[in-house]
PDB file of all heavy atoms in Angstrom:
ATOM      1  N   GLN A   1     115.140 -69.509-168.741  1.00  0.00           N
ATOM      2  CA  GLN A   1     114.225 -68.972-169.744  1.00  0.00           C
ATOM      3  C   GLN A   1     113.309 -70.088-170.236  1.00  0.00           C
ATOM      4  O   GLN A   1     113.742 -71.217-170.459  1.00  0.00           O
ATOM      5  CB  GLN A   1     115.004 -68.391-170.914  1.00  0.00           C
ATOM      6  CG  GLN A   1     115.856 -67.188-170.562  1.00  0.00           C
ATOM      7  CD  GLN A   1     116.629 -66.662-171.761  1.00  0.00           C
ATOM      8  OE1 GLN A   1     116.140 -66.697-172.889  1.00  0.00           O
ATOM      9  NE2 GLN A   1     117.846 -66.181-171.514  1.00  0.00           N
ATOM     10  N   THR A   2     112.050 -69.753-170.433  1.00  0.00           N
ATOM     11  CA  THR A   2     111.064 -70.752-170.847  1.00  0.00           C
ATOM     12  C   THR A   2     111.490 -71.446-172.132  1.00  0.00           C
ATOM     13  O   THR A   2     111.364 -72.667-172.267  1.00  0.00           O
ATOM     14  CB  THR A   2     109.690 -70.080-171.032  1.00  0.00           C
ATOM     15  OG1 THR A   2     109.354 -69.383-169.823  1.00  0.00           O
ATOM     16  CG2 THR A   2     108.618 -71.103-171.314  1.00  0.00           C
ATOM     17  N   ARG A   3     112.049 -70.677-173.066  1.00  0.00           N
ATOM     18  CA  ARG A   3     112.406 -71.258-174.361  1.00  0.00           C
ATOM     19  C   ARG A   3     113.606 -72.211-174.276  1.00  0.00           C
ATOM     20  O   ARG A   3     113.876 -72.954-175.213  1.00  0.00           O
ATOM     21  CB  ARG A   3     112.684 -70.151-175.381  1.00  0.00           C
ATOM     22  CG  ARG A   3     113.877 -69.276-175.049  1.00  0.00           C
ATOM     23  CD  ARG A   3     114.002 -68.111-176.021  1.00  0.00           C
ATOM     24  NE  ARG A   3     115.080 -67.225-175.664  1.00  0.00           N
ATOM     25  CZ  ARG A   3     116.341 -67.382-176.036  1.00  0.00           C
ATOM     26  NH1 ARG A   3     116.682 -68.430-176.777  1.00  0.00           N
ATOM     27  NH2 ARG A   3     117.268 -66.523-175.681  1.00  0.00           N
ATOM     28  N   LYS A   4     114.296 -72.205-173.142  1.00  0.00           N
ATOM     29  CA  LYS A   4     115.463 -73.093-173.000  1.00  0.00           C
ATOM     30  C   LYS A   4     115.184 -74.316-172.122  1.00  0.00           C
ATOM     31  O   LYS A   4     116.078 -75.125-171.891  1.00  0.00           O
ATOM     32  CB  LYS A   4     116.656 -72.299-172.448  1.00  0.00           C
ATOM     33  CG  LYS A   4     117.154 -71.244-173.440  1.00  0.00           C
ATOM     34  CD  LYS A   4     118.476 -70.653-173.038  1.00  0.00           C
ATOM     35  CE  LYS A   4     118.994 -69.712-174.123  1.00  0.00           C
ATOM     36  NZ  LYS A   4     120.324 -69.167-173.795  1.00  0.00           N
ATOM     37  N   VAL A   5     113.948 -74.439-171.661  1.00  0.00           N
ATOM     38  CA  VAL A   5     113.594 -75.577-170.799  1.00  0.00           C
ATOM     39  C   VAL A   5     113.896 -76.900-171.492  1.00  0.00           C
ATOM     40  O   VAL A   5     114.469 -77.825-170.901  1.00  0.00           O
ATOM     41  CB  VAL A   5     112.102 -75.498-170.401  1.00  0.00           C
ATOM     42  CG1 VAL A   5     111.635 -76.825-169.800  1.00  0.00           C
ATOM     43  CG2 VAL A   5     111.875 -74.363-169.414  1.00  0.00           C
ATOM     44  N   LYS A   6     113.519 -76.998-172.770  1.00  0.00           N
ATOM     45  CA  LYS A   6     113.676 -78.277-173.477  1.00  0.00           C
ATOM     46  C   LYS A   6     115.135 -78.697-173.584  1.00  0.00           C
ATOM     47  O   LYS A   6     115.435 -79.888-173.711  1.00  0.00           O
ATOM     48  CB  LYS A   6     113.050 -78.202-174.871  1.00  0.00           C
ATOM     49  CG  LYS A   6     113.671 -77.176-175.793  1.00  0.00           C
ATOM     50  CD  LYS A   6     112.925 -77.099-177.125  1.00  0.00           C
ATOM     51  CE  LYS A   6     113.506 -76.033-178.031  1.00  0.00           C
ATOM     52  NZ  LYS A   6     112.741 -75.913-179.299  1.00  0.00           N
ATOM     53  N   GLN A   7     116.080 -77.736-173.521  1.00  0.00           N
ATOM     54  CA  GLN A   7     117.497 -78.071-173.621  1.00  0.00           C
ATOM     55  C   GLN A   7     118.028 -78.775-172.378  1.00  0.00           C
ATOM     56  O   GLN A   7     118.920 -79.599-172.467  1.00  0.00           O
ATOM     57  CB  GLN A   7     118.329 -76.800-173.843  1.00  0.00           C
ATOM     58  CG  GLN A   7     118.126 -76.111-175.174  1.00  0.00           C
ATOM     59  CD  GLN A   7     118.966 -74.853-175.258  1.00  0.00           C
ATOM     60  OE1 GLN A   7     118.460 -73.735-175.286  1.00  0.00           O
ATOM     61  NE2 GLN A   7     120.275 -75.029-175.274  1.00  0.00           N
ATOM     62  N   VAL A   8     117.471 -78.429-171.216  1.00  0.00           N
ATOM     63  CA  VAL A   8     118.112 -78.860-169.971  1.00  0.00           C
ATOM     64  C   VAL A   8     117.265 -79.746-169.070  1.00  0.00           C
ATOM     65  O   VAL A   8     117.809 -80.437-168.209  1.00  0.00           O
ATOM     66  CB  VAL A   8     118.587 -77.637-169.142  1.00  0.00           C
ATOM     67  CG1 VAL A   8     119.467 -76.722-169.973  1.00  0.00           C
ATOM     68  CG2 VAL A   8     117.411 -76.855-168.570  1.00  0.00           C
ATOM     69  N   ILE A   9     115.956 -79.761-169.241  1.00  0.00           N
ATOM     70  CA  ILE A   9     115.099 -80.290-168.183  1.00  0.00           C
ATOM     71  C   ILE A   9     115.313 -81.775-167.913  1.00  0.00           C
ATOM     72  O   ILE A   9     115.161 -82.232-166.774  1.00  0.00           O
ATOM     73  CB  ILE A   9     113.613 -79.969-168.479  1.00  0.00           C
ATOM     74  CG1 ILE A   9     112.802 -80.003-167.182  1.00  0.00           C
ATOM     75  CG2 ILE A   9     113.040 -80.894-169.545  1.00  0.00           C
ATOM     76  CD1 ILE A   9     113.212 -78.991-166.148  1.00  0.00           C
ATOM     77  N   ASP A  10     115.663 -82.552-168.921  1.00  0.00           N
ATOM     78  CA  ASP A  10     115.883 -83.979-168.683  1.00  0.00           C
ATOM     79  C   ASP A  10     117.339 -84.304-168.358  1.00  0.00           C
ATOM     80  O   ASP A  10     117.700 -85.475-168.207  1.00  0.00           O
ATOM     81  CB  ASP A  10     115.411 -84.798-169.886  1.00  0.00           C
ATOM     82  CG  ASP A  10     113.892 -84.868-169.959  1.00  0.00           C
ATOM     83  OD1 ASP A  10     113.258 -84.945-168.887  1.00  0.00           O
ATOM     84  OD2 ASP A  10     113.337 -84.806-171.071  1.00  0.00           O
ATOM     85  N   THR A  11     118.155 -83.260-168.241  1.00  0.00           N
ATOM     86  CA  THR A  11     119.558 -83.428-167.857  1.00  0.00           C
ATOM     87  C   THR A  11     119.757 -83.173-166.370  1.00  0.00           C
ATOM     88  O   THR A  11     120.659 -83.736-165.753  1.00  0.00           O
ATOM     89  CB  THR A  11     120.450 -82.456-168.662  1.00  0.00           C
ATOM     90  OG1 THR A  11     120.248 -82.699-170.052  1.00  0.00           O
ATOM     91  CG2 THR A  11     121.915 -82.636-168.344  1.00  0.00           C
ATOM     92  N   ILE A  12     118.891 -82.352-165.788  1.00  0.00           N
ATOM     93  CA  ILE A  12     119.085 -81.938-164.396  1.00  0.00           C
ATOM     94  C   ILE A  12     118.313 -82.826-163.426  1.00  0.00           C
ATOM     95  O   ILE A  12     117.342 -83.490-163.787  1.00  0.00           O
ATOM     96  CB  ILE A  12     118.690 -80.463-164.181  1.00  0.00           C
ATOM     97  CG1 ILE A  12     117.192 -80.241-164.493  1.00  0.00           C
ATOM     98  CG2 ILE A  12     119.571 -79.556-165.016  1.00  0.00           C
ATOM     99  CD1 ILE A  12     116.713 -78.831-164.191  1.00  0.00           C
ATOM    100  N   ASP A  13     118.777 -82.820-162.179  1.00  0.00           N
ATOM    101  CA  ASP A  13     118.098 -83.521-161.096  1.00  0.00           C
ATOM    102  C   ASP A  13     117.302 -82.557-160.220  1.00  0.00           C
ATOM    103  O   ASP A  13     116.301 -82.951-159.616  1.00  0.00           O
ATOM    104  CB  ASP A  13     119.118 -84.270-160.233  1.00  0.00           C
ATOM    105  CG  ASP A  13     119.895 -85.302-161.042  1.00  0.00           C
ATOM    106  OD1 ASP A  13     119.312 -86.357-161.345  1.00  0.00           O
ATOM    107  OD2 ASP A  13     121.064 -85.037-161.390  1.00  0.00           O
ATOM    108  N   PHE A  14     117.770 -81.316-160.142  1.00  0.00           N
ATOM    109  CA  PHE A  14     117.124 -80.298-159.309  1.00  0.00           C
ATOM    110  C   PHE A  14     117.055 -78.968-160.057  1.00  0.00           C
ATOM    111  O   PHE A  14     118.021 -78.580-160.716  1.00  0.00           O
ATOM    112  CB  PHE A  14     117.916 -80.053-158.014  1.00  0.00           C
ATOM    113  CG  PHE A  14     118.055 -81.249-157.114  1.00  0.00           C
ATOM    114  CD1 PHE A  14     119.088 -82.166-157.302  1.00  0.00           C
ATOM    115  CD2 PHE A  14     117.180 -81.451-156.055  1.00  0.00           C
ATOM    116  CE1 PHE A  14     119.238 -83.266-156.463  1.00  0.00           C
ATOM    117  CE2 PHE A  14     117.324 -82.548-155.211  1.00  0.00           C
ATOM    118  CZ  PHE A  14     118.343 -83.457-155.415  1.00  0.00           C
ATOM    119  N   LEU A  15     115.938 -78.266-159.910  1.00  0.00           N
ATOM    120  CA  LEU A  15     115.797 -76.902-160.409  1.00  0.00           C
ATOM    121  C   LEU A  15     115.581 -75.990-159.209  1.00  0.00           C
ATOM    122  O   LEU A  15     114.652 -76.210-158.422  1.00  0.00           O
ATOM    123  CB  LEU A  15     114.611 -76.792-161.372  1.00  0.00           C
ATOM    124  CG  LEU A  15     114.295 -75.374-161.869  1.00  0.00           C
ATOM    125  CD1 LEU A  15     115.401 -74.853-162.780  1.00  0.00           C
ATOM    126  CD2 LEU A  15     112.951 -75.331-162.582  1.00  0.00           C
ATOM    127  N   HIS A  16     116.438 -74.971-159.081  1.00  0.00           N
ATOM    128  CA  HIS A  16     116.368 -74.079-157.912  1.00  0.00           C
ATOM    129  C   HIS A  16     115.630 -72.780-158.195  1.00  0.00           C
ATOM    130  O   HIS A  16     115.608 -71.909-157.334  1.00  0.00           O
ATOM    131  CB  HIS A  16     117.786 -73.734-157.427  1.00  0.00           C
ATOM    132  CG  HIS A  16     118.505 -74.864-156.769  1.00  0.00           C
ATOM    133  ND1 HIS A  16     118.889 -74.845-155.441  1.00  0.00           N
ATOM    134  CD2 HIS A  16     118.899 -76.072-157.239  1.00  0.00           C
ATOM    135  CE1 HIS A  16     119.501 -75.982-155.133  1.00  0.00           C
ATOM    136  NE2 HIS A  16     119.519 -76.742-156.221  1.00  0.00           N
ATOM    137  N   SER A  17     115.020 -72.634-159.359  1.00  0.00           N
ATOM    138  CA  SER A  17     114.535 -71.309-159.759  1.00  0.00           C
ATOM    139  C   SER A  17     113.138 -71.330-160.380  1.00  0.00           C
ATOM    140  O   SER A  17     112.867 -70.586-161.316  1.00  0.00           O
ATOM    141  CB  SER A  17     115.527 -70.689-160.742  1.00  0.00           C
ATOM    142  OG  SER A  17     115.812 -71.597-161.809  1.00  0.00           O
ATOM    143  N   LEU A  18     112.249 -72.155-159.860  1.00  0.00           N
ATOM    144  CA  LEU A  18     110.864 -72.139-160.341  1.00  0.00           C
ATOM    145  C   LEU A  18     110.177 -70.903-159.781  1.00  0.00           C
ATOM    146  O   LEU A  18     110.000 -70.775-158.567  1.00  0.00           O
ATOM    147  CB  LEU A  18     110.137 -73.413-159.895  1.00  0.00           C
ATOM    148  CG  LEU A  18     108.674 -73.544-160.324  1.00  0.00           C
ATOM    149  CD1 LEU A  18     108.513 -73.427-161.838  1.00  0.00           C
ATOM    150  CD2 LEU A  18     108.084 -74.857-159.820  1.00  0.00           C
ATOM    151  N   ASP A  19     109.830 -69.965-160.654  1.00  0.00           N
ATOM    152  CA  ASP A  19     109.341 -68.673-160.168  1.00  0.00           C
ATOM    153  C   ASP A  19     108.152 -68.109-160.944  1.00  0.00           C
ATOM    154  O   ASP A  19     107.744 -66.977-160.719  1.00  0.00           O
ATOM    155  CB  ASP A  19     110.490 -67.643-160.175  1.00  0.00           C
ATOM    156  CG  ASP A  19     111.029 -67.381-161.580  1.00  0.00           C
ATOM    157  OD1 ASP A  19     110.616 -68.068-162.540  1.00  0.00           O
ATOM    158  OD2 ASP A  19     111.873 -66.473-161.718  1.00  0.00           O
ATOM    159  N   ARG A  20     107.576 -68.915-161.872  1.00  0.00           N
ATOM    160  CA  ARG A  20     106.427 -68.405-162.626  1.00  0.00           C
ATOM    161  C   ARG A  20     105.676 -69.565-163.256  1.00  0.00           C
ATOM    162  O   ARG A  20     106.245 -70.618-163.531  1.00  0.00           O
ATOM    163  CB  ARG A  20     106.875 -67.394-163.694  1.00  0.00           C
ATOM    164  CG  ARG A  20     107.858 -67.952-164.684  1.00  0.00           C
ATOM    165  CD  ARG A  20     108.602 -66.842-165.434  1.00  0.00           C
ATOM    166  NE  ARG A  20     109.417 -67.381-166.517  1.00  0.00           N
ATOM    167  CZ  ARG A  20     110.618 -67.930-166.355  1.00  0.00           C
ATOM    168  NH1 ARG A  20     111.150 -68.025-165.149  1.00  0.00           N
ATOM    169  NH2 ARG A  20     111.287 -68.380-167.401  1.00  0.00           N
ATOM    170  N   LEU A  21     104.403 -69.336-163.477  1.00  0.00           N
ATOM    171  CA  LEU A  21     103.535 -70.388-163.993  1.00  0.00           C
ATOM    172  C   LEU A  21     103.922 -70.802-165.410  1.00  0.00           C
ATOM    173  O   LEU A  21     103.845 -71.983-165.754  1.00  0.00           O
ATOM    174  CB  LEU A  21     102.076 -69.924-163.947  1.00  0.00           C
ATOM    175  CG  LEU A  21     101.021 -71.021-164.057  1.00  0.00           C
ATOM    176  CD1 LEU A  21     101.172 -72.065-162.958  1.00  0.00           C
ATOM    177  CD2 LEU A  21      99.623 -70.405-164.015  1.00  0.00           C
ATOM    178  N   SER A  22     104.344 -69.849-166.216  1.00  0.00           N
ATOM    179  CA  SER A  22     104.722 -70.180-167.598  1.00  0.00           C
ATOM    180  C   SER A  22     105.897 -71.156-167.629  1.00  0.00           C
ATOM    181  O   SER A  22     105.970 -72.023-168.508  1.00  0.00           O
ATOM    182  CB  SER A  22     105.070 -68.919-168.384  1.00  0.00           C
ATOM    183  OG  SER A  22     106.161 -68.226-167.790  1.00  0.00           O
ATOM    184  N   LEU A  23     106.806 -71.033-166.677  1.00  0.00           N
ATOM    185  CA  LEU A  23     107.935 -71.971-166.585  1.00  0.00           C
ATOM    186  C   LEU A  23     107.436 -73.353-166.172  1.00  0.00           C
ATOM    187  O   LEU A  23     107.860 -74.367-166.728  1.00  0.00           O
ATOM    188  CB  LEU A  23     108.961 -71.443-165.581  1.00  0.00           C
ATOM    189  CG  LEU A  23     110.207 -72.306-165.352  1.00  0.00           C
ATOM    190  CD1 LEU A  23     110.953 -72.570-166.654  1.00  0.00           C
ATOM    191  CD2 LEU A  23     111.131 -71.638-164.327  1.00  0.00           C
ATOM    192  N   ALA A  24     106.512 -73.393-165.230  1.00  0.00           N
ATOM    193  CA  ALA A  24     105.942 -74.674-164.802  1.00  0.00           C
ATOM    194  C   ALA A  24     105.230 -75.367-165.965  1.00  0.00           C
ATOM    195  O   ALA A  24     105.356 -76.588-166.154  1.00  0.00           O
ATOM    196  CB  ALA A  24     104.967 -74.448-163.652  1.00  0.00           C
ATOM    197  N   GLU A  25     104.511 -74.610-166.747  1.00  0.00           N
ATOM    198  CA  GLU A  25     103.780 -75.175-167.893  1.00  0.00           C
ATOM    199  C   GLU A  25     104.743 -75.766-168.913  1.00  0.00           C
ATOM    200  O   GLU A  25     104.481 -76.833-169.484  1.00  0.00           O
ATOM    201  CB  GLU A  25     102.912 -74.090-168.534  1.00  0.00           C
ATOM    202  CG  GLU A  25     101.738 -73.669-167.662  1.00  0.00           C
ATOM    203  CD  GLU A  25     101.028 -72.420-168.156  1.00  0.00           C
ATOM    204  OE1 GLU A  25     101.615 -71.679-168.978  1.00  0.00           O
ATOM    205  OE2 GLU A  25      99.900 -72.176-167.701  1.00  0.00           O
TER     206      GLU A  25
END
């Protein structure tokens, strides 16, 4: 979920589920 990106993005090494522009932003 876009609103949860800030919780996890600097913890992970790989994201397997990039599927929309809003998530990329």
